[in-house]
Amino acid sequence: MTDHSESAHHGSSQAPSTVWTGRATNRIQWLLALAGAGCMALGIELAVVSPWSSGFAPLLMSVVGCLAVGLLILFGTLAFVHVAVKVDRDALEVRCGHAGLPRRRILLTHVVGADYVAKVNPRQWGGWGYRWRPEQGTAVVVRKGEGMALRLGDGRTFTVTVDDAEAAVRFIRERLHLAAGAERDQD
């Protein structure tokens, strides 16, 4: 998905955008979700058919194990099938998956810079998902490819993979410049 900016003003003049939205998707996650559904189906199959003659405890442990692993894989992967990013005049908001969770909102007043990252690799973050590395900061990585990195006022960074990240970085930099100009005007 590319840049979808909304304008607050209508008419023939091109007013500056007030909202930028973007998205990134990882279709491979659907395969992992199918594996999770398969584990759950196996657990249900074991519970219903229960051909084991070795006792109730091993059967119960197998059923619970299959269901637990299936749920973890299913919900863990579905949460990171896609990420939606929205930047308005006040904040950047990141929502993951169909339920929008996990969700992160960063006020632009806490952002000191935004950088385009041409190649975000899940390996550099330890995999897909919501990641934290002491030396790198926090990231939401749903696929390999372009993304943006926000430098925060407390020295930390926040990286997110999103399509058309260059447009997002330009939009955020404009917002940061506008906010700095407004502060100078008030002095």
N, C-alpha and C. Protein backbone atom coordinates (compact mmCIF):
# COMPACT_ATOMS: atom_id res chain seq x y z
N MET A 1 0.85 -1.16 0.00
CA MET A 1 0.00 0.00 0.00
C MET A 1 0.89 1.22 0.00
N THR A 2 0.52 2.19 -0.72
CA THR A 2 1.33 3.39 -0.79
C THR A 2 0.70 4.50 0.01
N ASP A 3 1.30 5.67 -0.11
CA ASP A 3 0.88 6.84 0.63
C ASP A 3 -0.57 7.20 0.32
N HIS A 4 -1.37 7.30 1.34
CA HIS A 4 -2.75 7.76 1.20
C HIS A 4 -2.90 8.95 2.11
N SER A 5 -2.71 10.11 1.58
CA SER A 5 -2.80 11.32 2.39
C SER A 5 -4.19 11.90 2.27
N GLU A 6 -4.66 12.45 3.36
CA GLU A 6 -5.95 13.11 3.38
C GLU A 6 -5.71 14.59 3.59
N SER A 7 -6.46 15.40 2.94
CA SER A 7 -6.31 16.84 3.07
C SER A 7 -7.43 17.41 3.92
N ALA A 8 -7.09 18.37 4.73
CA ALA A 8 -8.09 19.00 5.57
C ALA A 8 -8.86 20.08 4.82
N HIS A 9 -8.29 20.56 3.69
CA HIS A 9 -8.92 21.63 2.93
C HIS A 9 -9.37 21.09 1.59
N HIS A 10 -10.47 21.59 1.11
CA HIS A 10 -10.97 21.20 -0.20
C HIS A 10 -10.86 22.40 -1.13
N GLY A 11 -10.87 22.17 -2.42
CA GLY A 11 -10.79 23.27 -3.37
C GLY A 11 -9.71 23.01 -4.39
N SER A 12 -9.41 24.03 -5.18
CA SER A 12 -8.45 23.86 -6.26
C SER A 12 -7.01 23.94 -5.79
N SER A 13 -6.74 24.66 -4.71
CA SER A 13 -5.36 24.76 -4.25
C SER A 13 -4.96 23.47 -3.52
N GLN A 14 -3.71 23.11 -3.68
CA GLN A 14 -3.19 21.88 -3.06
C GLN A 14 -2.77 22.19 -1.64
N ALA A 15 -3.58 21.87 -0.65
CA ALA A 15 -3.27 22.10 0.75
C ALA A 15 -2.36 20.99 1.27
N PRO A 16 -1.55 21.28 2.27
CA PRO A 16 -0.70 20.23 2.81
C PRO A 16 -1.52 19.11 3.44
N SER A 17 -1.04 17.90 3.32
CA SER A 17 -1.73 16.74 3.88
C SER A 17 -1.73 16.81 5.40
N THR A 18 -2.80 16.30 6.00
CA THR A 18 -2.88 16.29 7.45
C THR A 18 -2.70 14.89 8.02
N VAL A 19 -2.84 13.87 7.19
CA VAL A 19 -2.70 12.48 7.65
C VAL A 19 -1.98 11.67 6.59
N TRP A 20 -1.04 10.85 7.03
CA TRP A 20 -0.37 9.90 6.14
C TRP A 20 -0.66 8.50 6.68
N THR A 21 -1.05 7.60 5.81
CA THR A 21 -1.26 6.22 6.23
C THR A 21 -0.47 5.30 5.31
N GLY A 22 0.01 4.24 5.88
CA GLY A 22 0.76 3.25 5.11
C GLY A 22 0.58 1.88 5.73
N ARG A 23 1.08 0.90 5.02
CA ARG A 23 0.85 -0.48 5.46
C ARG A 23 1.96 -1.36 4.90
N ALA A 24 2.22 -2.46 5.57
CA ALA A 24 3.12 -3.49 5.06
C ALA A 24 2.48 -4.83 5.38
N THR A 25 2.64 -5.77 4.47
CA THR A 25 2.01 -7.09 4.62
C THR A 25 3.04 -8.18 4.40
N ASN A 26 2.87 -9.28 5.11
CA ASN A 26 3.72 -10.45 4.95
C ASN A 26 2.82 -11.66 4.74
N ARG A 27 2.71 -12.09 3.50
CA ARG A 27 1.82 -13.20 3.18
C ARG A 27 2.36 -14.55 3.66
N ILE A 28 3.65 -14.63 3.92
CA ILE A 28 4.23 -15.88 4.44
C ILE A 28 3.65 -16.22 5.81
N GLN A 29 3.28 -15.19 6.56
CA GLN A 29 2.70 -15.42 7.88
C GLN A 29 1.42 -16.27 7.80
N TRP A 30 0.70 -16.17 6.68
CA TRP A 30 -0.51 -16.98 6.52
C TRP A 30 -0.16 -18.47 6.53
N LEU A 31 1.00 -18.84 5.96
CA LEU A 31 1.42 -20.25 5.98
C LEU A 31 1.68 -20.71 7.41
N LEU A 32 2.32 -19.85 8.19
CA LEU A 32 2.56 -20.19 9.59
C LEU A 32 1.24 -20.30 10.36
N ALA A 33 0.29 -19.43 10.04
CA ALA A 33 -1.02 -19.50 10.68
C ALA A 33 -1.71 -20.82 10.34
N LEU A 34 -1.54 -21.28 9.10
CA LEU A 34 -2.09 -22.59 8.73
C LEU A 34 -1.45 -23.71 9.54
N ALA A 35 -0.16 -23.62 9.81
CA ALA A 35 0.51 -24.62 10.64
C ALA A 35 -0.09 -24.61 12.05
N GLY A 36 -0.36 -23.42 12.58
CA GLY A 36 -1.00 -23.32 13.89
C GLY A 36 -2.39 -23.93 13.89
N ALA A 37 -3.15 -23.67 12.84
CA ALA A 37 -4.48 -24.27 12.72
C ALA A 37 -4.38 -25.78 12.62
N GLY A 38 -3.35 -26.27 11.94
CA GLY A 38 -3.12 -27.72 11.84
C GLY A 38 -2.85 -28.35 13.20
N CYS A 39 -2.04 -27.68 14.01
CA CYS A 39 -1.77 -28.18 15.38
C CYS A 39 -3.06 -28.23 16.20
N MET A 40 -3.87 -27.19 16.06
CA MET A 40 -5.15 -27.19 16.79
C MET A 40 -6.06 -28.31 16.30
N ALA A 41 -6.09 -28.53 15.00
CA ALA A 41 -6.92 -29.60 14.44
C ALA A 41 -6.45 -30.96 14.95
N LEU A 42 -5.13 -31.14 15.04
CA LEU A 42 -4.59 -32.39 15.58
C LEU A 42 -5.01 -32.58 17.03
N GLY A 43 -4.94 -31.52 17.81
CA GLY A 43 -5.37 -31.60 19.21
C GLY A 43 -6.84 -31.98 19.34
N ILE A 44 -7.67 -31.38 18.51
CA ILE A 44 -9.11 -31.70 18.53
C ILE A 44 -9.34 -33.14 18.08
N GLU A 45 -8.61 -33.54 17.04
CA GLU A 45 -8.71 -34.92 16.54
C GLU A 45 -8.34 -35.92 17.64
N LEU A 46 -7.25 -35.64 18.34
CA LEU A 46 -6.84 -36.53 19.44
C LEU A 46 -7.90 -36.58 20.53
N ALA A 47 -8.50 -35.44 20.84
CA ALA A 47 -9.51 -35.39 21.91
C ALA A 47 -10.77 -36.15 21.52
N VAL A 48 -11.16 -36.05 20.26
CA VAL A 48 -12.42 -36.66 19.82
C VAL A 48 -12.26 -38.16 19.58
N VAL A 49 -11.23 -38.51 18.84
CA VAL A 49 -11.05 -39.91 18.48
C VAL A 49 -10.45 -40.72 19.63
N SER A 50 -9.47 -40.16 20.31
CA SER A 50 -8.76 -40.76 21.46
C SER A 50 -8.56 -42.28 21.36
N PRO A 51 -7.78 -42.74 20.37
CA PRO A 51 -7.54 -44.16 20.22
C PRO A 51 -6.47 -44.70 21.17
N TRP A 52 -5.93 -43.87 22.02
CA TRP A 52 -4.81 -44.29 22.86
C TRP A 52 -5.30 -45.19 23.98
N SER A 53 -4.59 -46.24 24.19
CA SER A 53 -4.93 -47.16 25.28
C SER A 53 -3.93 -47.03 26.42
N SER A 54 -2.97 -46.12 26.30
CA SER A 54 -1.93 -45.99 27.32
C SER A 54 -2.35 -45.12 28.50
N GLY A 55 -3.56 -44.62 28.51
CA GLY A 55 -4.04 -43.89 29.66
C GLY A 55 -4.52 -42.49 29.33
N PHE A 56 -5.18 -41.93 30.32
CA PHE A 56 -5.79 -40.61 30.15
C PHE A 56 -4.76 -39.48 30.22
N ALA A 57 -3.78 -39.57 31.10
CA ALA A 57 -2.80 -38.49 31.29
C ALA A 57 -2.00 -38.21 30.02
N PRO A 58 -1.44 -39.22 29.34
CA PRO A 58 -0.71 -38.92 28.10
C PRO A 58 -1.61 -38.30 27.02
N LEU A 59 -2.85 -38.79 26.95
CA LEU A 59 -3.79 -38.23 25.97
C LEU A 59 -4.08 -36.77 26.28
N LEU A 60 -4.36 -36.47 27.56
CA LEU A 60 -4.65 -35.11 27.97
C LEU A 60 -3.47 -34.18 27.70
N MET A 61 -2.26 -34.63 28.01
CA MET A 61 -1.06 -33.81 27.76
C MET A 61 -0.88 -33.56 26.27
N SER A 62 -1.14 -34.54 25.44
CA SER A 62 -1.00 -34.38 23.99
C SER A 62 -2.03 -33.40 23.45
N VAL A 63 -3.28 -33.53 23.90
CA VAL A 63 -4.35 -32.65 23.44
C VAL A 63 -4.06 -31.21 23.86
N VAL A 64 -3.75 -31.02 25.14
CA VAL A 64 -3.47 -29.66 25.64
C VAL A 64 -2.23 -29.09 24.95
N GLY A 65 -1.21 -29.90 24.75
CA GLY A 65 0.01 -29.45 24.08
C GLY A 65 -0.27 -29.01 22.65
N CYS A 66 -1.00 -29.81 21.90
CA CYS A 66 -1.33 -29.46 20.51
C CYS A 66 -2.17 -28.19 20.45
N LEU A 67 -3.16 -28.08 21.31
CA LEU A 67 -4.01 -26.89 21.31
C LEU A 67 -3.22 -25.64 21.70
N ALA A 68 -2.36 -25.76 22.72
CA ALA A 68 -1.58 -24.61 23.17
C ALA A 68 -0.60 -24.16 22.08
N VAL A 69 0.11 -25.09 21.49
CA VAL A 69 1.05 -24.74 20.43
C VAL A 69 0.29 -24.15 19.24
N GLY A 70 -0.82 -24.74 18.89
CA GLY A 70 -1.62 -24.23 17.78
C GLY A 70 -2.10 -22.81 18.02
N LEU A 71 -2.61 -22.54 19.22
CA LEU A 71 -3.08 -21.19 19.54
C LEU A 71 -1.94 -20.18 19.53
N LEU A 72 -0.80 -20.55 20.11
CA LEU A 72 0.34 -19.65 20.11
C LEU A 72 0.81 -19.31 18.70
N ILE A 73 0.93 -20.34 17.87
CA ILE A 73 1.37 -20.10 16.49
C ILE A 73 0.32 -19.30 15.73
N LEU A 74 -0.93 -19.70 15.86
CA LEU A 74 -2.00 -19.03 15.12
C LEU A 74 -2.12 -17.55 15.47
N PHE A 75 -2.27 -17.26 16.74
CA PHE A 75 -2.45 -15.87 17.14
C PHE A 75 -1.16 -15.08 17.04
N GLY A 76 -0.02 -15.72 17.30
CA GLY A 76 1.26 -15.03 17.16
C GLY A 76 1.55 -14.61 15.74
N THR A 77 1.18 -15.44 14.78
CA THR A 77 1.43 -15.08 13.39
C THR A 77 0.37 -14.14 12.84
N LEU A 78 -0.88 -14.34 13.20
CA LEU A 78 -1.93 -13.46 12.69
C LEU A 78 -1.77 -12.03 13.20
N ALA A 79 -1.15 -11.89 14.37
CA ALA A 79 -0.92 -10.54 14.90
C ALA A 79 0.06 -9.76 14.04
N PHE A 80 0.89 -10.47 13.27
CA PHE A 80 1.91 -9.77 12.49
C PHE A 80 1.81 -10.08 10.99
N VAL A 81 0.61 -10.35 10.51
CA VAL A 81 0.40 -10.53 9.07
C VAL A 81 0.58 -9.19 8.37
N HIS A 82 0.14 -8.13 9.01
CA HIS A 82 0.33 -6.80 8.44
C HIS A 82 0.46 -5.77 9.55
N VAL A 83 0.97 -4.63 9.17
CA VAL A 83 1.08 -3.50 10.08
C VAL A 83 0.48 -2.29 9.38
N ALA A 84 -0.26 -1.49 10.12
CA ALA A 84 -0.84 -0.26 9.60
C ALA A 84 -0.23 0.91 10.36
N VAL A 85 0.25 1.90 9.62
CA VAL A 85 0.89 3.06 10.21
C VAL A 85 0.07 4.29 9.85
N LYS A 86 -0.17 5.13 10.84
CA LYS A 86 -0.90 6.38 10.62
C LYS A 86 -0.12 7.50 11.30
N VAL A 87 0.12 8.55 10.56
CA VAL A 87 0.79 9.73 11.11
C VAL A 87 -0.15 10.91 10.90
N ASP A 88 -0.47 11.59 11.99
CA ASP A 88 -1.26 12.82 11.87
C ASP A 88 -0.43 13.97 12.41
N ARG A 89 -1.05 15.07 12.71
CA ARG A 89 -0.26 16.24 13.14
C ARG A 89 0.33 16.05 14.54
N ASP A 90 -0.21 15.11 15.33
CA ASP A 90 0.24 14.95 16.70
C ASP A 90 1.08 13.72 16.97
N ALA A 91 0.84 12.63 16.24
CA ALA A 91 1.46 11.36 16.63
C ALA A 91 1.59 10.39 15.48
N LEU A 92 2.42 9.39 15.70
CA LEU A 92 2.53 8.23 14.82
C LEU A 92 1.88 7.07 15.57
N GLU A 93 1.02 6.34 14.88
CA GLU A 93 0.37 5.20 15.50
C GLU A 93 0.60 3.97 14.63
N VAL A 94 1.02 2.89 15.28
CA VAL A 94 1.28 1.63 14.60
C VAL A 94 0.33 0.59 15.18
N ARG A 95 -0.39 -0.09 14.30
CA ARG A 95 -1.31 -1.16 14.71
C ARG A 95 -0.93 -2.43 13.95
N CYS A 96 -0.90 -3.53 14.65
CA CYS A 96 -0.49 -4.80 14.05
C CYS A 96 -1.68 -5.74 13.90
N GLY A 97 -1.69 -6.49 12.82
CA GLY A 97 -2.67 -7.53 12.60
C GLY A 97 -4.09 -7.02 12.45
N HIS A 98 -5.01 -7.96 12.42
CA HIS A 98 -6.42 -7.63 12.20
C HIS A 98 -7.08 -7.01 13.43
N ALA A 99 -6.59 -7.35 14.60
CA ALA A 99 -7.17 -6.78 15.82
C ALA A 99 -6.53 -5.45 16.19
N GLY A 100 -5.44 -5.08 15.50
CA GLY A 100 -4.77 -3.82 15.81
C GLY A 100 -3.91 -3.89 17.05
N LEU A 101 -3.57 -5.10 17.47
CA LEU A 101 -2.75 -5.29 18.67
C LEU A 101 -1.53 -6.13 18.32
N PRO A 102 -0.38 -5.85 18.83
CA PRO A 102 -0.08 -4.73 19.71
C PRO A 102 -0.16 -3.40 18.96
N ARG A 103 -0.28 -2.35 19.74
CA ARG A 103 -0.44 -1.02 19.20
C ARG A 103 0.57 -0.10 19.87
N ARG A 104 1.14 0.80 19.11
CA ARG A 104 2.11 1.75 19.68
C ARG A 104 1.78 3.14 19.15
N ARG A 105 1.73 4.11 20.05
CA ARG A 105 1.46 5.50 19.69
C ARG A 105 2.62 6.34 20.22
N ILE A 106 3.25 7.09 19.32
CA ILE A 106 4.39 7.94 19.70
C ILE A 106 4.03 9.37 19.34
N LEU A 107 4.01 10.24 20.32
CA LEU A 107 3.74 11.64 20.08
C LEU A 107 4.90 12.25 19.30
N LEU A 108 4.59 13.07 18.31
CA LEU A 108 5.65 13.69 17.51
C LEU A 108 6.49 14.66 18.34
N THR A 109 5.98 15.12 19.47
CA THR A 109 6.78 15.97 20.34
C THR A 109 7.93 15.19 20.97
N HIS A 110 7.85 13.85 20.95
CA HIS A 110 8.94 13.00 21.48
C HIS A 110 9.92 12.58 20.40
N VAL A 111 9.65 12.95 19.15
CA VAL A 111 10.49 12.54 18.03
C VAL A 111 11.47 13.67 17.69
N VAL A 112 12.76 13.33 17.60
CA VAL A 112 13.76 14.33 17.23
C VAL A 112 14.25 14.14 15.80
N GLY A 113 13.92 13.01 15.18
CA GLY A 113 14.32 12.77 13.80
C GLY A 113 13.68 11.54 13.23
N ALA A 114 13.63 11.49 11.90
CA ALA A 114 13.07 10.33 11.19
C ALA A 114 13.99 10.01 10.03
N ASP A 115 14.31 8.73 9.87
CA ASP A 115 15.22 8.29 8.82
C ASP A 115 14.61 7.16 8.01
N TYR A 116 14.86 7.20 6.71
CA TYR A 116 14.46 6.12 5.81
C TYR A 116 15.48 4.99 5.95
N VAL A 117 15.00 3.76 6.06
CA VAL A 117 15.86 2.58 6.12
C VAL A 117 15.52 1.72 4.91
N ALA A 118 16.48 1.59 3.98
CA ALA A 118 16.21 0.88 2.73
C ALA A 118 15.98 -0.61 2.95
N LYS A 119 16.70 -1.22 3.87
CA LYS A 119 16.57 -2.66 4.08
C LYS A 119 16.49 -2.97 5.57
N VAL A 120 15.30 -3.27 6.02
CA VAL A 120 15.10 -3.80 7.37
C VAL A 120 15.01 -5.31 7.19
N ASN A 121 15.84 -6.03 7.90
CA ASN A 121 15.87 -7.48 7.78
C ASN A 121 15.41 -8.09 9.10
N PRO A 122 14.45 -9.01 9.07
CA PRO A 122 14.00 -9.64 10.32
C PRO A 122 15.14 -10.28 11.10
N ARG A 123 16.17 -10.76 10.40
CA ARG A 123 17.30 -11.39 11.10
C ARG A 123 18.04 -10.41 12.01
N GLN A 124 18.15 -9.16 11.58
CA GLN A 124 18.87 -8.18 12.41
C GLN A 124 18.09 -7.85 13.68
N TRP A 125 16.80 -8.16 13.70
CA TRP A 125 15.97 -7.91 14.87
C TRP A 125 15.63 -9.18 15.62
N GLY A 126 16.04 -10.34 15.13
CA GLY A 126 15.72 -11.60 15.80
C GLY A 126 14.40 -12.20 15.35
N GLY A 127 13.89 -11.79 14.20
CA GLY A 127 12.67 -12.38 13.66
C GLY A 127 11.60 -11.35 13.41
N TRP A 128 10.43 -11.87 13.04
CA TRP A 128 9.27 -11.01 12.79
C TRP A 128 8.60 -10.68 14.11
N GLY A 129 7.86 -9.59 14.11
CA GLY A 129 7.04 -9.25 15.27
C GLY A 129 7.46 -7.94 15.91
N TYR A 130 7.03 -7.78 17.14
CA TYR A 130 7.38 -6.60 17.94
C TYR A 130 8.67 -6.95 18.65
N ARG A 131 9.74 -6.26 18.35
CA ARG A 131 11.07 -6.64 18.81
C ARG A 131 11.74 -5.53 19.61
N TRP A 132 12.62 -5.95 20.54
CA TRP A 132 13.43 -5.02 21.29
C TRP A 132 14.84 -5.57 21.38
N ARG A 133 15.80 -4.74 21.04
CA ARG A 133 17.21 -5.08 21.17
C ARG A 133 17.88 -3.91 21.85
N PRO A 134 18.61 -4.16 22.92
CA PRO A 134 19.20 -3.05 23.69
C PRO A 134 20.04 -2.09 22.85
N GLU A 135 20.81 -2.64 21.91
CA GLU A 135 21.69 -1.80 21.11
C GLU A 135 20.99 -1.15 19.92
N GLN A 136 19.78 -1.59 19.58
CA GLN A 136 19.09 -1.07 18.40
C GLN A 136 17.79 -0.35 18.71
N GLY A 137 17.16 -0.64 19.80
CA GLY A 137 15.88 -0.02 20.14
C GLY A 137 14.73 -1.00 19.94
N THR A 138 13.57 -0.46 19.58
CA THR A 138 12.35 -1.24 19.41
C THR A 138 11.95 -1.21 17.94
N ALA A 139 11.31 -2.31 17.49
CA ALA A 139 10.89 -2.37 16.09
C ALA A 139 9.63 -3.20 15.94
N VAL A 140 8.87 -2.88 14.91
CA VAL A 140 7.77 -3.73 14.45
C VAL A 140 8.17 -4.16 13.05
N VAL A 141 8.49 -5.45 12.92
CA VAL A 141 9.00 -5.99 11.66
C VAL A 141 8.03 -7.06 11.18
N VAL A 142 7.35 -6.80 10.06
CA VAL A 142 6.44 -7.78 9.50
C VAL A 142 6.96 -8.41 8.22
N ARG A 143 8.02 -7.81 7.65
CA ARG A 143 8.60 -8.36 6.43
C ARG A 143 9.97 -7.73 6.20
N LYS A 144 10.71 -8.32 5.28
CA LYS A 144 11.99 -7.75 4.88
C LYS A 144 11.72 -6.63 3.89
N GLY A 145 12.48 -5.55 3.99
CA GLY A 145 12.32 -4.46 3.03
C GLY A 145 12.44 -3.10 3.68
N GLU A 146 11.85 -2.11 3.01
CA GLU A 146 11.99 -0.73 3.46
C GLU A 146 11.21 -0.47 4.74
N GLY A 147 11.68 0.55 5.45
CA GLY A 147 11.03 0.95 6.68
C GLY A 147 11.51 2.32 7.09
N MET A 148 11.11 2.73 8.27
CA MET A 148 11.56 4.01 8.80
C MET A 148 11.98 3.84 10.24
N ALA A 149 12.91 4.69 10.65
CA ALA A 149 13.41 4.66 12.03
C ALA A 149 13.20 6.05 12.63
N LEU A 150 12.52 6.09 13.74
CA LEU A 150 12.32 7.34 14.46
C LEU A 150 13.35 7.44 15.57
N ARG A 151 13.99 8.58 15.66
CA ARG A 151 14.90 8.85 16.77
C ARG A 151 14.10 9.62 17.82
N LEU A 152 14.04 9.08 19.01
CA LEU A 152 13.22 9.66 20.07
C LEU A 152 14.07 10.53 20.98
N GLY A 153 13.43 11.46 21.66
CA GLY A 153 14.13 12.40 22.53
C GLY A 153 14.87 11.76 23.68
N ASP A 154 14.48 10.56 24.08
CA ASP A 154 15.15 9.88 25.19
C ASP A 154 16.34 9.04 24.73
N GLY A 155 16.72 9.17 23.44
CA GLY A 155 17.88 8.44 22.92
C GLY A 155 17.55 7.09 22.31
N ARG A 156 16.33 6.63 22.46
CA ARG A 156 15.94 5.35 21.87
C ARG A 156 15.50 5.53 20.43
N THR A 157 15.36 4.39 19.73
CA THR A 157 14.85 4.42 18.36
C THR A 157 13.66 3.48 18.25
N PHE A 158 12.80 3.78 17.28
CA PHE A 158 11.67 2.93 16.98
C PHE A 158 11.64 2.75 15.47
N THR A 159 11.72 1.50 15.02
CA THR A 159 11.76 1.17 13.60
C THR A 159 10.50 0.40 13.24
N VAL A 160 9.96 0.67 12.06
CA VAL A 160 8.78 -0.06 11.59
C VAL A 160 8.91 -0.27 10.08
N THR A 161 8.59 -1.48 9.64
CA THR A 161 8.55 -1.76 8.21
C THR A 161 7.22 -1.27 7.66
N VAL A 162 7.28 -0.49 6.59
CA VAL A 162 6.08 0.04 5.98
C VAL A 162 6.39 0.36 4.52
N ASP A 163 5.42 0.12 3.65
CA ASP A 163 5.57 0.46 2.24
C ASP A 163 5.63 1.98 2.09
N ASP A 164 6.40 2.44 1.12
CA ASP A 164 6.58 3.86 0.83
C ASP A 164 7.06 4.62 2.07
N ALA A 165 8.06 4.04 2.72
CA ALA A 165 8.60 4.63 3.94
C ALA A 165 9.23 6.00 3.69
N GLU A 166 9.74 6.22 2.48
CA GLU A 166 10.32 7.53 2.17
C GLU A 166 9.28 8.63 2.30
N ALA A 167 8.07 8.37 1.83
CA ALA A 167 6.99 9.36 1.94
C ALA A 167 6.63 9.60 3.41
N ALA A 168 6.64 8.54 4.19
CA ALA A 168 6.34 8.67 5.62
C ALA A 168 7.39 9.53 6.31
N VAL A 169 8.65 9.29 5.98
CA VAL A 169 9.74 10.07 6.59
C VAL A 169 9.61 11.55 6.19
N ARG A 170 9.34 11.82 4.93
CA ARG A 170 9.14 13.21 4.49
C ARG A 170 7.99 13.86 5.26
N PHE A 171 6.89 13.12 5.39
CA PHE A 171 5.71 13.65 6.08
C PHE A 171 6.04 13.96 7.55
N ILE A 172 6.75 13.06 8.22
CA ILE A 172 7.10 13.28 9.63
C ILE A 172 8.06 14.45 9.75
N ARG A 173 9.04 14.52 8.86
CA ARG A 173 9.99 15.64 8.91
C ARG A 173 9.26 16.98 8.71
N GLU A 174 8.28 17.01 7.82
CA GLU A 174 7.48 18.23 7.65
C GLU A 174 6.76 18.59 8.94
N ARG A 175 6.18 17.59 9.60
CA ARG A 175 5.48 17.83 10.86
C ARG A 175 6.45 18.35 11.91
N LEU A 176 7.65 17.76 11.97
CA LEU A 176 8.64 18.19 12.96
C LEU A 176 9.08 19.63 12.68
N HIS A 177 9.27 19.95 11.41
CA HIS A 177 9.66 21.31 11.02
C HIS A 177 8.54 22.31 11.34
N LEU A 178 7.30 21.92 11.07
CA LEU A 178 6.17 22.80 11.36
C LEU A 178 6.05 23.04 12.85
N ALA A 179 6.25 22.00 13.66
CA ALA A 179 6.16 22.13 15.11
C ALA A 179 7.28 23.03 15.62
N ALA A 180 8.49 22.88 15.09
CA ALA A 180 9.61 23.72 15.51
C ALA A 180 9.35 25.17 15.12
N GLY A 181 8.77 25.41 13.94
CA GLY A 181 8.43 26.76 13.51
C GLY A 181 7.38 27.39 14.40
N ALA A 182 6.39 26.59 14.82
CA ALA A 182 5.34 27.11 15.70
C ALA A 182 5.91 27.50 17.06
N GLU A 183 6.87 26.71 17.56
CA GLU A 183 7.49 27.04 18.85
C GLU A 183 8.30 28.33 18.74
N ARG A 184 9.01 28.52 17.61
CA ARG A 184 9.78 29.75 17.42
C ARG A 184 8.85 30.96 17.33
N ASP A 185 7.68 30.78 16.70
CA ASP A 185 6.73 31.87 16.56
C ASP A 185 6.17 32.30 17.90
N GLN A 186 6.07 31.36 18.86
CA GLN A 186 5.51 31.68 20.16
C GLN A 186 6.52 32.41 21.06
N ASP A 187 7.80 32.25 20.75
CA ASP A 187 8.84 32.90 21.60
C ASP A 187 8.91 34.38 21.41
